[in-house]
N, C-alpha and C. Protein backbone atom coordinates (compact mmCIF):
# COMPACT_ATOMS: atom_id res chain seq x y z
N MET A 1 34.33 1.35 16.19
CA MET A 1 34.22 1.94 14.86
C MET A 1 35.03 1.11 13.87
N VAL A 2 34.46 0.84 12.71
CA VAL A 2 35.11 0.05 11.68
C VAL A 2 35.91 0.97 10.77
N ASP A 3 37.21 0.65 10.62
CA ASP A 3 38.06 1.48 9.77
C ASP A 3 37.83 1.22 8.29
N ASP A 4 37.56 -0.05 7.93
CA ASP A 4 37.38 -0.42 6.54
C ASP A 4 35.90 -0.58 6.24
N GLU A 5 35.30 0.44 5.66
CA GLU A 5 33.88 0.39 5.34
C GLU A 5 33.63 -0.25 3.98
N GLY A 6 34.65 -0.50 3.21
CA GLY A 6 34.49 -1.08 1.88
C GLY A 6 34.92 -0.11 0.80
N GLU A 7 34.72 -0.54 -0.45
CA GLU A 7 35.10 0.28 -1.60
C GLU A 7 33.91 1.07 -2.09
N TYR A 8 34.18 2.28 -2.54
CA TYR A 8 33.14 3.13 -3.09
C TYR A 8 33.43 3.40 -4.56
N CYS A 9 32.37 3.45 -5.37
CA CYS A 9 32.47 3.74 -6.79
C CYS A 9 32.99 5.17 -6.98
N THR A 10 33.93 5.33 -7.90
CA THR A 10 34.47 6.66 -8.16
C THR A 10 33.56 7.50 -9.04
N VAL A 11 32.52 6.88 -9.62
CA VAL A 11 31.59 7.60 -10.47
C VAL A 11 30.37 8.08 -9.68
N CYS A 12 29.69 7.12 -9.00
CA CYS A 12 28.43 7.48 -8.34
C CYS A 12 28.55 7.58 -6.82
N GLY A 13 29.66 7.09 -6.25
CA GLY A 13 29.85 7.16 -4.81
C GLY A 13 29.20 6.03 -4.03
N GLY A 14 28.52 5.11 -4.73
CA GLY A 14 27.88 3.97 -4.08
C GLY A 14 28.88 2.89 -3.71
N MET A 15 28.41 1.95 -2.92
CA MET A 15 29.26 0.83 -2.52
C MET A 15 29.51 -0.09 -3.71
N VAL A 16 30.74 -0.57 -3.83
CA VAL A 16 31.10 -1.52 -4.87
C VAL A 16 30.78 -2.91 -4.35
N SER A 17 30.02 -3.68 -5.16
CA SER A 17 29.62 -5.01 -4.76
C SER A 17 30.83 -5.92 -4.64
N LYS A 18 30.88 -6.70 -3.56
CA LYS A 18 31.96 -7.67 -3.38
C LYS A 18 31.49 -9.07 -3.74
N ALA A 19 30.24 -9.19 -4.13
CA ALA A 19 29.66 -10.49 -4.40
C ALA A 19 30.15 -11.09 -5.71
N GLY A 20 30.78 -10.30 -6.56
CA GLY A 20 31.26 -10.80 -7.83
C GLY A 20 30.13 -11.01 -8.82
N ASP A 21 28.98 -10.40 -8.57
CA ASP A 21 27.81 -10.57 -9.42
C ASP A 21 27.64 -9.38 -10.36
N VAL A 22 28.72 -8.72 -10.69
CA VAL A 22 28.66 -7.56 -11.57
C VAL A 22 29.17 -7.98 -12.95
N GLN A 23 28.34 -7.72 -13.97
CA GLN A 23 28.74 -8.00 -15.33
C GLN A 23 28.75 -6.71 -16.12
N GLN A 24 29.64 -6.64 -17.09
CA GLN A 24 29.72 -5.45 -17.91
C GLN A 24 28.95 -5.63 -19.21
N ILE A 25 28.23 -4.57 -19.58
CA ILE A 25 27.58 -4.50 -20.88
C ILE A 25 27.99 -3.18 -21.51
N MET A 26 27.82 -3.09 -22.81
CA MET A 26 28.16 -1.85 -23.51
C MET A 26 26.92 -0.97 -23.61
N VAL A 27 27.03 0.25 -23.09
CA VAL A 27 25.95 1.23 -23.17
C VAL A 27 26.54 2.47 -23.84
N ASP A 28 26.01 2.80 -25.00
CA ASP A 28 26.54 3.93 -25.78
C ASP A 28 28.05 3.83 -25.99
N GLY A 29 28.52 2.64 -26.25
CA GLY A 29 29.93 2.43 -26.54
C GLY A 29 30.86 2.40 -25.33
N LYS A 30 30.29 2.41 -24.13
CA LYS A 30 31.11 2.37 -22.92
C LYS A 30 30.72 1.17 -22.07
N ALA A 31 31.72 0.52 -21.49
CA ALA A 31 31.47 -0.62 -20.61
C ALA A 31 30.88 -0.12 -19.29
N VAL A 32 29.76 -0.74 -18.91
CA VAL A 32 29.05 -0.36 -17.69
C VAL A 32 28.80 -1.62 -16.87
N GLY A 33 29.09 -1.57 -15.58
CA GLY A 33 28.87 -2.71 -14.71
C GLY A 33 27.42 -2.75 -14.22
N ILE A 34 26.80 -3.93 -14.35
CA ILE A 34 25.42 -4.11 -13.89
C ILE A 34 25.42 -5.18 -12.81
N ASN A 35 25.01 -4.81 -11.62
CA ASN A 35 24.93 -5.74 -10.51
C ASN A 35 23.70 -6.63 -10.67
N GLY A 36 23.88 -7.94 -10.61
CA GLY A 36 22.77 -8.89 -10.64
C GLY A 36 22.15 -9.12 -12.01
N LEU A 37 22.91 -8.90 -13.08
CA LEU A 37 22.35 -8.99 -14.43
C LEU A 37 21.76 -10.37 -14.73
N ASP A 38 22.46 -11.44 -14.40
CA ASP A 38 21.95 -12.78 -14.69
C ASP A 38 20.59 -13.01 -14.04
N GLN A 39 20.48 -12.63 -12.79
CA GLN A 39 19.22 -12.81 -12.06
C GLN A 39 18.12 -11.95 -12.66
N ILE A 40 18.46 -10.75 -13.07
CA ILE A 40 17.48 -9.85 -13.68
C ILE A 40 16.96 -10.43 -14.99
N LEU A 41 17.87 -10.94 -15.82
CA LEU A 41 17.46 -11.53 -17.10
C LEU A 41 16.53 -12.72 -16.87
N LYS A 42 16.90 -13.55 -15.91
CA LYS A 42 16.08 -14.73 -15.59
C LYS A 42 14.70 -14.30 -15.09
N GLN A 43 14.68 -13.31 -14.21
CA GLN A 43 13.42 -12.81 -13.64
C GLN A 43 12.50 -12.25 -14.73
N VAL A 44 13.04 -11.41 -15.60
CA VAL A 44 12.23 -10.79 -16.65
C VAL A 44 11.76 -11.83 -17.66
N ALA A 45 12.61 -12.79 -17.99
CA ALA A 45 12.20 -13.85 -18.91
C ALA A 45 11.02 -14.63 -18.34
N GLY A 46 10.99 -14.80 -17.05
CA GLY A 46 9.90 -15.53 -16.39
C GLY A 46 8.58 -14.79 -16.37
N LEU A 47 8.60 -13.51 -16.70
CA LEU A 47 7.37 -12.72 -16.72
C LEU A 47 6.53 -12.96 -17.97
N ASN A 48 7.14 -13.57 -18.99
CA ASN A 48 6.44 -13.86 -20.26
C ASN A 48 5.76 -12.62 -20.84
N LEU A 49 6.51 -11.55 -20.93
CA LEU A 49 5.98 -10.30 -21.47
C LEU A 49 5.82 -10.40 -22.99
N SER A 50 4.86 -9.66 -23.53
CA SER A 50 4.49 -9.86 -24.93
C SER A 50 5.29 -9.06 -25.95
N GLY A 51 5.87 -7.95 -25.59
CA GLY A 51 6.56 -7.15 -26.60
C GLY A 51 7.82 -6.49 -26.09
N PRO A 52 8.63 -5.98 -27.03
CA PRO A 52 9.90 -5.35 -26.67
C PRO A 52 9.76 -4.17 -25.70
N VAL A 53 8.72 -3.37 -25.86
CA VAL A 53 8.55 -2.20 -24.99
C VAL A 53 8.36 -2.64 -23.54
N GLN A 54 7.51 -3.63 -23.33
CA GLN A 54 7.27 -4.14 -21.97
C GLN A 54 8.53 -4.77 -21.40
N VAL A 55 9.25 -5.51 -22.22
CA VAL A 55 10.48 -6.16 -21.76
C VAL A 55 11.51 -5.11 -21.37
N LYS A 56 11.70 -4.10 -22.21
CA LYS A 56 12.66 -3.03 -21.92
C LYS A 56 12.31 -2.32 -20.62
N GLU A 57 11.04 -2.01 -20.43
CA GLU A 57 10.60 -1.33 -19.20
C GLU A 57 10.87 -2.18 -17.97
N ALA A 58 10.59 -3.47 -18.07
CA ALA A 58 10.82 -4.38 -16.94
C ALA A 58 12.31 -4.52 -16.64
N LEU A 59 13.11 -4.62 -17.69
CA LEU A 59 14.56 -4.73 -17.50
C LEU A 59 15.11 -3.49 -16.81
N LEU A 60 14.72 -2.33 -17.32
CA LEU A 60 15.23 -1.08 -16.75
C LEU A 60 14.79 -0.92 -15.29
N ALA A 61 13.55 -1.23 -14.99
CA ALA A 61 13.06 -1.12 -13.61
C ALA A 61 13.84 -2.04 -12.68
N ALA A 62 14.10 -3.26 -13.13
CA ALA A 62 14.84 -4.22 -12.30
C ALA A 62 16.29 -3.78 -12.11
N VAL A 63 16.89 -3.26 -13.16
CA VAL A 63 18.28 -2.80 -13.06
C VAL A 63 18.37 -1.59 -12.13
N LYS A 64 17.43 -0.67 -12.24
CA LYS A 64 17.43 0.53 -11.39
C LYS A 64 17.28 0.20 -9.91
N ALA A 65 16.68 -0.94 -9.61
CA ALA A 65 16.49 -1.32 -8.21
C ALA A 65 17.82 -1.61 -7.51
N ALA A 66 18.85 -1.96 -8.28
CA ALA A 66 20.13 -2.32 -7.67
C ALA A 66 21.33 -1.59 -8.28
N ASN A 67 21.07 -0.69 -9.21
CA ASN A 67 22.16 -0.01 -9.92
C ASN A 67 21.77 1.44 -10.19
N TYR A 68 22.77 2.29 -10.32
CA TYR A 68 22.53 3.67 -10.70
C TYR A 68 22.40 3.74 -12.22
N VAL A 69 21.34 4.37 -12.70
CA VAL A 69 21.13 4.58 -14.13
C VAL A 69 20.88 6.07 -14.34
N PRO A 70 21.78 6.76 -15.05
CA PRO A 70 21.56 8.18 -15.31
C PRO A 70 20.28 8.38 -16.12
N THR A 71 19.47 9.33 -15.73
CA THR A 71 18.19 9.58 -16.39
C THR A 71 18.36 9.82 -17.89
N LYS A 72 19.35 10.57 -18.26
CA LYS A 72 19.57 10.89 -19.68
C LYS A 72 20.00 9.67 -20.49
N LYS A 73 20.44 8.62 -19.83
CA LYS A 73 20.91 7.42 -20.53
C LYS A 73 19.93 6.26 -20.44
N ALA A 74 18.73 6.50 -19.91
CA ALA A 74 17.77 5.42 -19.70
C ALA A 74 17.46 4.67 -20.99
N GLY A 75 17.25 5.39 -22.07
CA GLY A 75 16.96 4.75 -23.36
C GLY A 75 18.11 3.89 -23.85
N ALA A 76 19.32 4.39 -23.69
CA ALA A 76 20.50 3.62 -24.09
C ALA A 76 20.65 2.37 -23.23
N TYR A 77 20.35 2.49 -21.94
CA TYR A 77 20.39 1.32 -21.05
C TYR A 77 19.33 0.31 -21.48
N GLU A 78 18.13 0.79 -21.80
CA GLU A 78 17.07 -0.12 -22.25
C GLU A 78 17.50 -0.91 -23.47
N ASP A 79 18.09 -0.22 -24.44
CA ASP A 79 18.53 -0.89 -25.67
C ASP A 79 19.62 -1.91 -25.39
N ALA A 80 20.59 -1.54 -24.57
CA ALA A 80 21.69 -2.45 -24.24
C ALA A 80 21.18 -3.66 -23.45
N LEU A 81 20.31 -3.40 -22.51
CA LEU A 81 19.75 -4.49 -21.71
C LEU A 81 18.89 -5.41 -22.56
N TYR A 82 18.15 -4.85 -23.49
CA TYR A 82 17.32 -5.66 -24.37
C TYR A 82 18.19 -6.57 -25.26
N SER A 83 19.31 -6.05 -25.72
CA SER A 83 20.24 -6.87 -26.51
C SER A 83 20.76 -8.04 -25.68
N GLU A 84 21.09 -7.77 -24.42
CA GLU A 84 21.55 -8.83 -23.52
C GLU A 84 20.42 -9.83 -23.27
N TYR A 85 19.22 -9.33 -23.12
CA TYR A 85 18.04 -10.18 -22.91
C TYR A 85 17.84 -11.13 -24.10
N LEU A 86 17.93 -10.60 -25.32
CA LEU A 86 17.75 -11.44 -26.50
C LEU A 86 18.83 -12.53 -26.57
N ARG A 87 20.07 -12.19 -26.23
CA ARG A 87 21.15 -13.20 -26.18
C ARG A 87 20.84 -14.25 -25.13
N TYR A 88 20.33 -13.80 -23.99
CA TYR A 88 19.98 -14.73 -22.91
C TYR A 88 18.88 -15.70 -23.37
N ILE A 89 17.84 -15.18 -23.99
CA ILE A 89 16.73 -16.00 -24.48
C ILE A 89 17.23 -16.99 -25.53
N GLU A 90 18.06 -16.51 -26.43
CA GLU A 90 18.61 -17.38 -27.49
C GLU A 90 19.47 -18.50 -26.91
N SER A 91 20.23 -18.19 -25.88
CA SER A 91 21.11 -19.20 -25.27
C SER A 91 20.34 -20.30 -24.54
N ARG A 92 19.11 -19.97 -24.16
CA ARG A 92 18.27 -20.95 -23.45
C ARG A 92 17.57 -21.91 -24.41
N GLY A 93 17.58 -21.56 -25.71
CA GLY A 93 16.99 -22.43 -26.72
C GLY A 93 15.59 -22.21 -26.88
């Protein structure tokens, strides 16, 4: 039996990533850690989606695959993720 199972999040109870791939973004004025954000932004940018609604939906779906997103905050997450997406696109030129 393993004594050290790892760290657990004090908010959602999930495992805390040790990969160092967690970045913080502001959602409704609070810092929130998103696991795999760089990869998600790259993946969604590669989809060549046509409008903000499609991009937001794709971002949220990808984030939910690896992160807890409270249902009541989904819209706020979409907006915050879209802002990060626009910065990512701008930084690529």
